[in-house]
Amino acid sequence: MRIRTTTIGAWPKPTDVPIPDWFQQESTTDANPTEALDSCERCFDDDISELLDKANQEVVAAQVNVGIDIPTDGEIRRENYIHSHCRHMEGINFDRLTKKTMRSGAWEVFVPTITHPIRPGKPFLVREWQVAQAVTNRPVKMTLPGPMTIMDSVANEFYGNERKLTYALAQALNFEIIKLAKAGCRWIQVDEPVFARYPESALSFGIENLERCFNGVNREVTRCTHICCGYPDRVDSTDYVKAPPSAYSLLAPALDKAAIDAVSIEDAHRPNDLSLLELFEDTIVILGVLGIARTRIESIEEIEFRLRDAMGHIEKDRLIAAPDCGLGMLSRETVLAKLKNLRQAVERIG
């Protein structure tokens, strides 16, 4: 059995998709990450659903054609992977924006505000998954933002403490995840990048609520989480704030014991000491071996070398090769070139 491949979430939006992409916009002080969608004149036109369905399927087909075993829907319908889901929850007010310092003080933005109890809204991901899954027999992975990550990207004016807030968010996310699982989705990923920035909180209540997101999901579903080290604000930037290098090692033992099947971590932008993989005794590790914010295309040999190194610390059947994170910052041509080399590298390993 060769090493499997997957993508993490976002894909470059096709040019005819009118939804602006937060990750394609240069970050500025006092930015408003909700403004892109709020000011989009075509985002809610009558014909937008059909156009987005077509774009969604094109993105899945592109991943399958290049050889990805577990594609994602590319998050084509989302202006960003956090707030797009928040718009489908009750209790989060997008008409009341609050200035907030985020990402370890690196960024100040205006974010939606929690003013009432968090509750799930009308289910929406099942249809999105069905549209994407119709393209292929390979399992399409669906992604959702996790409770701690949502908490970090909204302002809280209702809940008395972080534990209560993340519990409510986990309950709302579980509602959507259960619907996905019952519909037949077999790979579901909850993104918790802020675990790496706040490992103490993750260990205190974050991992518990990550498990709660999957409560009641049948064992046919691969329960996955993604933990990244931080996005730069522009392509090919190297001097940006990242999570502490020790975060993965702090989190790994607890994640390995948690009711989670697969953990996605970055290794391309900031290589790890691969003995880290030995801390995952039972869990699948999705290892990022492609940089998602640099235009340099990794060679087949470079990818192969890193994966062979990884195999010295984890069984091949528990190793999945992937980009570090979502691919929305790069051009489609660059993405395809990187993924083709990834596929050829795993084929050479055999």
Protein backbone atom coordinates (compact mmCIF):
# COMPACT_ATOMS: atom_id res chain seq x y z
CA MET A 1 0.00 0.00 0.00
CA ARG A 2 1.46 3.36 -1.00
CA ILE A 3 1.21 6.54 1.03
CA ARG A 4 -2.15 8.21 0.47
CA THR A 5 -2.53 11.87 -0.45
CA THR A 6 -5.03 14.56 0.50
CA THR A 7 -5.52 18.30 0.44
CA ILE A 8 -6.41 20.29 3.54
CA GLY A 9 -9.18 22.71 2.58
CA ALA A 10 -9.11 25.81 0.40
CA TRP A 11 -8.38 25.76 -3.34
CA PRO A 12 -7.77 28.78 -5.63
CA LYS A 13 -11.20 30.07 -6.58
CA PRO A 14 -12.05 29.81 -10.31
CA THR A 15 -12.14 33.21 -11.99
CA ASP A 16 -15.91 33.11 -12.56
CA VAL A 17 -16.69 32.63 -8.85
CA PRO A 18 -17.87 36.01 -7.55
CA ILE A 19 -17.26 35.32 -3.85
CA PRO A 20 -14.18 37.31 -2.76
CA ASP A 21 -11.51 35.32 -0.98
CA TRP A 22 -10.22 36.70 2.33
CA PHE A 23 -6.85 34.99 1.83
CA GLN A 24 -6.31 36.75 -1.50
CA GLN A 25 -6.67 40.16 0.12
CA GLU A 26 -3.67 41.84 1.67
CA SER A 27 -4.19 42.29 5.40
CA THR A 28 -4.26 45.85 6.71
CA THR A 29 -4.79 47.42 10.09
CA ASP A 30 -8.48 47.79 10.93
CA ALA A 31 -9.39 45.23 8.25
CA ASN A 32 -12.87 43.77 8.22
CA PRO A 33 -12.78 40.13 7.12
CA THR A 34 -16.56 40.08 6.71
CA GLU A 35 -16.65 43.03 4.32
CA ALA A 36 -15.71 41.05 1.21
CA LEU A 37 -18.87 38.98 1.22
CA ASP A 38 -21.10 41.72 2.64
CA SER A 39 -20.19 44.02 -0.26
CA CYS A 40 -20.36 41.37 -2.99
CA GLU A 41 -23.10 42.40 -5.40
CA ARG A 42 -23.39 38.99 -7.12
CA CYS A 43 -22.91 36.69 -4.15
CA PHE A 44 -26.64 36.14 -3.65
CA ASP A 45 -27.90 36.30 -7.24
CA ASP A 46 -30.41 33.65 -8.31
CA ASP A 47 -27.88 31.96 -10.59
CA ILE A 48 -25.07 31.81 -8.03
CA SER A 49 -25.92 28.31 -6.70
CA GLU A 50 -25.63 26.68 -10.10
CA LEU A 51 -22.39 28.54 -10.83
CA LEU A 52 -20.89 27.52 -7.49
CA ASP A 53 -21.95 23.89 -7.96
CA LYS A 54 -20.12 23.84 -11.29
CA ALA A 55 -17.01 25.46 -9.80
CA ASN A 56 -17.10 23.10 -6.83
CA GLN A 57 -17.16 20.06 -9.08
CA GLU A 58 -14.38 21.43 -11.29
CA VAL A 59 -12.16 21.81 -8.23
CA VAL A 60 -12.82 18.26 -7.04
CA ALA A 61 -12.22 16.91 -10.54
CA ALA A 62 -8.91 18.81 -10.76
CA GLN A 63 -7.70 17.14 -7.55
CA VAL A 64 -8.80 13.70 -8.69
CA ASN A 65 -7.18 14.16 -12.11
CA VAL A 66 -3.86 15.02 -10.52
CA GLY A 67 -4.07 11.93 -8.32
CA ILE A 68 -5.26 13.11 -4.90
CA ASP A 69 -6.81 10.21 -2.99
CA ILE A 70 -8.90 12.27 -0.55
CA PRO A 71 -9.88 15.58 -2.19
CA THR A 72 -11.76 18.41 -0.49
CA ASP A 73 -14.54 20.55 -1.90
CA GLY A 74 -12.04 23.41 -2.05
CA GLU A 75 -14.18 25.67 0.17
CA ILE A 76 -15.30 27.46 -2.98
CA ARG A 77 -18.47 28.82 -1.36
CA ARG A 78 -16.60 30.43 1.54
CA GLU A 79 -15.19 33.94 1.81
CA ASN A 80 -13.06 32.49 4.60
CA TYR A 81 -13.18 29.16 6.32
CA ILE A 82 -14.30 30.52 9.70
CA HIS A 83 -16.88 33.24 9.22
CA SER A 84 -18.66 31.49 6.36
CA HIS A 85 -19.69 28.79 8.81
CA CYS A 86 -20.54 31.34 11.49
CA ARG A 87 -23.13 32.83 9.13
CA HIS A 88 -25.03 29.55 9.45
CA MET A 89 -25.19 29.73 13.25
CA GLU A 90 -27.65 31.60 15.44
CA GLY A 91 -26.25 33.98 18.05
CA ILE A 92 -23.39 35.45 15.97
CA ASN A 93 -24.21 39.00 14.85
CA PHE A 94 -22.63 40.14 11.57
CA ASP A 95 -24.28 43.55 11.84
CA ARG A 96 -22.41 44.26 15.04
CA LEU A 97 -18.67 44.19 14.42
CA THR A 98 -16.10 44.49 17.20
CA LYS A 99 -12.42 45.37 16.88
CA LYS A 100 -10.24 42.49 18.03
CA THR A 101 -6.54 41.73 18.19
CA MET A 102 -5.85 38.31 16.72
CA ARG A 103 -3.07 35.83 15.85
CA SER A 104 -0.84 36.52 18.85
CA GLY A 105 -1.13 40.29 18.41
CA ALA A 106 -0.11 40.27 14.76
CA TRP A 107 -3.40 41.53 13.40
CA GLU A 108 -6.27 43.85 14.35
CA VAL A 109 -9.60 43.27 12.61
CA PHE A 110 -13.31 43.87 13.02
CA VAL A 111 -15.13 40.60 13.68
CA PRO A 112 -18.76 39.53 14.22
CA THR A 113 -20.01 39.55 17.79
CA ILE A 114 -21.71 36.83 19.84
CA THR A 115 -24.75 38.51 21.36
CA HIS A 116 -27.10 35.56 21.98
CA PRO A 117 -26.88 31.80 22.69
CA ILE A 118 -25.07 29.83 19.99
CA ARG A 119 -27.36 27.42 18.18
CA PRO A 120 -27.09 25.60 14.85
CA GLY A 121 -28.94 27.14 11.96
CA LYS A 122 -30.39 25.44 8.92
CA PRO A 123 -28.13 22.53 7.79
CA PHE A 124 -26.08 23.37 4.70
CA LEU A 125 -23.00 21.18 4.41
CA VAL A 126 -24.78 18.00 3.35
CA ARG A 127 -25.84 19.50 0.03
CA GLU A 128 -22.35 20.96 -0.52
CA TRP A 129 -20.81 17.55 0.11
CA GLN A 130 -23.30 15.80 -2.18
CA VAL A 131 -22.48 18.19 -5.02
CA ALA A 132 -18.75 17.58 -4.54
CA GLN A 133 -19.02 13.82 -4.03
CA ALA A 134 -21.03 13.39 -7.25
CA VAL A 135 -17.80 13.93 -9.23
CA THR A 136 -15.83 10.97 -7.91
CA ASN A 137 -15.85 7.62 -6.13
CA ARG A 138 -12.99 8.80 -3.95
CA PRO A 139 -14.08 10.12 -0.53
CA VAL A 140 -14.49 13.90 -0.52
CA LYS A 141 -13.40 15.39 2.79
CA MET A 142 -15.50 18.19 4.26
CA THR A 143 -13.99 20.79 6.56
CA LEU A 144 -15.37 22.90 9.40
CA PRO A 145 -13.76 25.46 11.73
CA GLY A 146 -13.31 24.19 15.28
CA PRO A 147 -14.71 25.69 18.49
CA MET A 148 -11.47 27.31 19.69
CA THR A 149 -10.71 28.69 16.23
CA ILE A 150 -14.16 30.23 15.93
CA MET A 151 -13.82 31.67 19.44
CA ASP A 152 -10.55 33.32 18.41
CA SER A 153 -12.19 34.91 15.35
CA VAL A 154 -15.31 36.43 16.92
CA ALA A 155 -16.01 38.80 19.80
CA ASN A 156 -17.80 37.28 22.80
CA GLU A 157 -20.35 39.47 24.58
CA PHE A 158 -22.60 36.70 25.84
CA TYR A 159 -20.78 33.74 27.40
CA GLY A 160 -19.09 34.13 30.76
CA ASN A 161 -15.97 32.14 29.95
CA GLU A 162 -14.15 30.39 27.13
CA ARG A 163 -15.07 26.88 28.26
CA LYS A 164 -18.81 27.62 28.08
CA LEU A 165 -18.44 29.32 24.71
CA THR A 166 -16.46 26.51 23.10
CA TYR A 167 -18.87 23.95 24.53
CA ALA A 168 -21.78 25.74 22.84
CA LEU A 169 -19.86 26.00 19.57
CA ALA A 170 -18.97 22.30 19.69
CA GLN A 171 -22.63 21.41 20.18
CA ALA A 172 -23.63 23.50 17.16
CA LEU A 173 -20.86 22.01 15.02
CA ASN A 174 -21.84 18.50 16.10
CA PHE A 175 -25.32 19.09 14.69
CA GLU A 176 -23.85 19.73 11.23
CA ILE A 177 -21.30 16.92 11.49
CA ILE A 178 -23.93 14.35 12.44
CA LYS A 179 -25.94 15.35 9.36
CA LEU A 180 -22.85 14.91 7.17
CA ALA A 181 -22.03 11.51 8.62
CA LYS A 182 -25.58 10.21 8.22
CA ALA A 183 -25.61 11.42 4.60
CA GLY A 184 -22.55 9.28 3.87
CA CYS A 185 -19.55 11.64 4.17
CA ARG A 186 -16.63 9.48 5.30
CA TRP A 187 -13.92 12.12 5.94
CA ILE A 188 -14.78 15.07 8.18
CA GLN A 189 -12.12 17.53 9.31
CA VAL A 190 -12.44 20.09 12.10
CA ASP A 191 -9.78 22.78 11.72
CA GLU A 192 -8.19 23.95 14.96
CA PRO A 193 -5.14 26.01 13.95
CA VAL A 194 -5.24 27.99 17.20
CA PHE A 195 -4.43 24.81 19.16
CA ALA A 196 -0.82 25.51 18.20
CA ARG A 197 -1.02 29.10 19.45
CA TYR A 198 -2.75 28.29 22.73
CA PRO A 199 -1.69 24.74 23.60
CA GLU A 200 -2.53 25.14 27.29
CA SER A 201 -6.14 26.03 26.45
CA ALA A 202 -6.26 23.21 23.92
CA LEU A 203 -5.17 20.74 26.60
CA SER A 204 -7.51 22.24 29.19
CA PHE A 205 -10.73 22.24 27.18
CA GLY A 206 -10.02 22.45 23.44
CA ILE A 207 -9.38 18.78 22.72
CA GLU A 208 -12.39 17.83 24.86
CA ASN A 209 -14.61 20.04 22.72
CA LEU A 210 -12.97 18.80 19.52
CA GLU A 211 -14.09 15.31 20.55
CA ARG A 212 -17.53 16.71 21.32
CA CYS A 213 -17.81 17.90 17.72
CA PHE A 214 -17.72 14.23 16.64
CA ASN A 215 -19.96 12.87 19.39
CA GLY A 216 -22.30 10.22 17.96
CA VAL A 217 -20.48 9.92 14.63
CA ASN A 218 -20.29 6.34 13.40
CA ARG A 219 -16.96 4.53 13.09
CA GLU A 220 -17.09 4.52 9.29
CA VAL A 221 -16.18 8.22 9.43
CA THR A 222 -12.53 9.26 9.69
CA ARG A 223 -12.52 12.01 12.31
CA CYS A 224 -9.79 14.44 11.44
CA THR A 225 -8.36 17.70 12.76
CA HIS A 226 -5.93 20.16 11.20
CA ILE A 227 -3.50 22.22 13.26
CA CYS A 228 -1.30 24.72 11.43
CA CYS A 229 1.36 27.16 12.57
CA GLY A 230 0.03 30.36 10.99
CA TYR A 231 -0.61 32.03 7.65
CA PRO A 232 1.55 34.87 6.30
CA ASP A 233 -0.34 37.88 4.95
CA ARG A 234 1.16 37.53 1.46
CA VAL A 235 2.76 34.92 -0.77
CA ASP A 236 6.49 34.29 -0.34
CA SER A 237 6.63 36.16 2.96
CA THR A 238 8.93 34.52 5.48
CA ASP A 239 9.04 36.99 8.37
CA TYR A 240 5.65 36.41 9.99
CA VAL A 241 4.43 35.31 13.40
CA LYS A 242 4.19 31.55 13.81
CA ALA A 243 3.01 29.39 16.66
CA PRO A 244 5.70 28.14 19.08
CA PRO A 245 7.75 25.24 17.63
CA SER A 246 7.06 23.17 20.76
CA ALA A 247 3.27 23.24 20.31
CA TYR A 248 2.94 20.01 18.33
CA SER A 249 5.00 18.06 20.86
CA LEU A 250 2.89 19.40 23.74
CA LEU A 251 -0.35 18.47 21.99
CA ALA A 252 0.57 15.14 20.40
CA PRO A 253 0.18 12.76 23.39
CA ALA A 254 -3.27 14.10 24.26
CA LEU A 255 -4.41 14.10 20.64
CA ASP A 256 -3.20 10.52 20.24
CA LYS A 257 -5.39 9.44 23.16
CA ALA A 258 -8.39 11.48 21.99
CA ALA A 259 -11.30 10.17 19.93
CA ILE A 260 -9.68 11.49 16.76
CA ASP A 261 -8.50 9.30 13.89
CA ALA A 262 -6.19 11.66 11.97
CA VAL A 263 -4.18 14.78 12.83
CA SER A 264 -2.91 17.12 10.12
CA ILE A 265 0.28 19.06 10.87
CA GLU A 266 2.60 21.36 8.91
CA ASP A 267 6.18 20.42 8.06
CA ALA A 268 7.03 22.37 4.89
CA HIS A 269 7.12 25.99 6.04
CA ARG A 270 8.79 25.00 9.29
CA PRO A 271 10.23 21.47 9.37
CA ASN A 272 9.79 19.46 12.55
CA ASP A 273 12.08 17.08 14.33
CA LEU A 274 10.37 14.03 12.84
CA SER A 275 10.71 12.08 16.07
CA LEU A 276 7.52 14.05 16.81
CA LEU A 277 5.68 11.42 14.76
CA GLU A 278 6.56 8.76 17.32
CA LEU A 279 4.29 10.53 19.82
CA PHE A 280 1.35 9.48 17.65
CA GLU A 281 1.21 5.79 18.52
CA ASP A 282 -2.18 5.02 16.95
CA THR A 283 -3.33 8.16 15.12
CA ILE A 284 -2.94 8.78 11.38
CA VAL A 285 -0.65 11.73 10.69
CA ILE A 286 -1.33 13.94 7.67
CA LEU A 287 2.07 15.50 7.05
CA GLY A 288 2.34 18.80 5.19
CA VAL A 289 5.20 18.57 2.69
CA LEU A 290 4.15 21.38 0.30
CA GLY A 291 4.45 25.07 1.16
CA ILE A 292 1.10 26.80 0.73
CA ALA A 293 2.33 30.40 0.79
CA ARG A 294 5.45 30.14 -1.35
CA THR A 295 5.55 29.93 -5.10
CA ARG A 296 8.61 27.68 -5.27
CA ILE A 297 7.53 24.25 -6.49
CA GLU A 298 8.99 21.45 -4.40
CA SER A 299 10.82 18.84 -6.46
CA ILE A 300 9.76 15.21 -6.55
CA GLU A 301 13.08 14.26 -4.95
CA GLU A 302 12.64 16.78 -2.12
CA ILE A 303 9.16 15.49 -1.27
CA GLU A 304 10.26 11.85 -1.54
CA PHE A 305 13.24 12.46 0.76
CA ARG A 306 11.07 14.03 3.48
CA LEU A 307 8.45 11.30 3.32
CA ARG A 308 11.11 8.57 3.52
CA ASP A 309 12.49 10.32 6.59
CA ALA A 310 9.00 10.37 8.09
CA MET A 311 8.63 6.63 7.45
CA GLY A 312 11.51 6.09 9.85
CA HIS A 313 9.21 7.28 12.64
CA ILE A 314 5.71 6.14 11.65
CA GLU A 315 4.21 3.22 9.72
CA LYS A 316 3.46 3.96 6.08
CA ASP A 317 -0.21 3.06 6.46
CA ARG A 318 -0.58 5.79 9.11
CA LEU A 319 1.11 8.46 7.01
CA ILE A 320 -0.77 10.68 4.53
CA ALA A 321 1.03 13.29 2.41
CA ALA A 322 -0.49 16.73 1.90
CA PRO A 323 0.13 20.44 1.56
CA ASP A 324 0.75 22.28 4.83
CA CYS A 325 -2.66 23.96 4.82
CA GLY A 326 -5.22 25.39 2.40
CA LEU A 327 -4.06 26.36 -1.09
CA GLY A 328 -6.10 29.51 -1.61
CA MET A 329 -3.13 31.88 -1.69
CA LEU A 330 -1.52 30.29 -4.74
CA SER A 331 -2.40 30.26 -8.43
CA ARG A 332 -4.13 27.21 -9.87
CA GLU A 333 -1.10 26.46 -12.07
CA THR A 334 1.27 26.50 -9.10
CA VAL A 335 -1.06 24.31 -7.05
CA LEU A 336 -1.36 21.70 -9.80
CA ALA A 337 2.41 21.59 -10.30
CA LYS A 338 2.99 21.05 -6.58
CA LEU A 339 0.34 18.33 -6.33
CA LYS A 340 1.64 16.50 -9.41
CA ASN A 341 5.07 16.31 -7.81
CA LEU A 342 3.50 15.11 -4.57
CA ARG A 343 1.74 12.31 -6.40
CA GLN A 344 4.87 11.27 -8.27
CA ALA A 345 6.87 11.27 -5.05
CA VAL A 346 4.51 8.83 -3.30
CA GLU A 347 4.47 6.62 -6.39
CA ARG A 348 8.28 6.44 -6.36
CA ILE A 349 8.18 5.39 -2.72
CA GLY A 350 5.69 2.67 -3.66
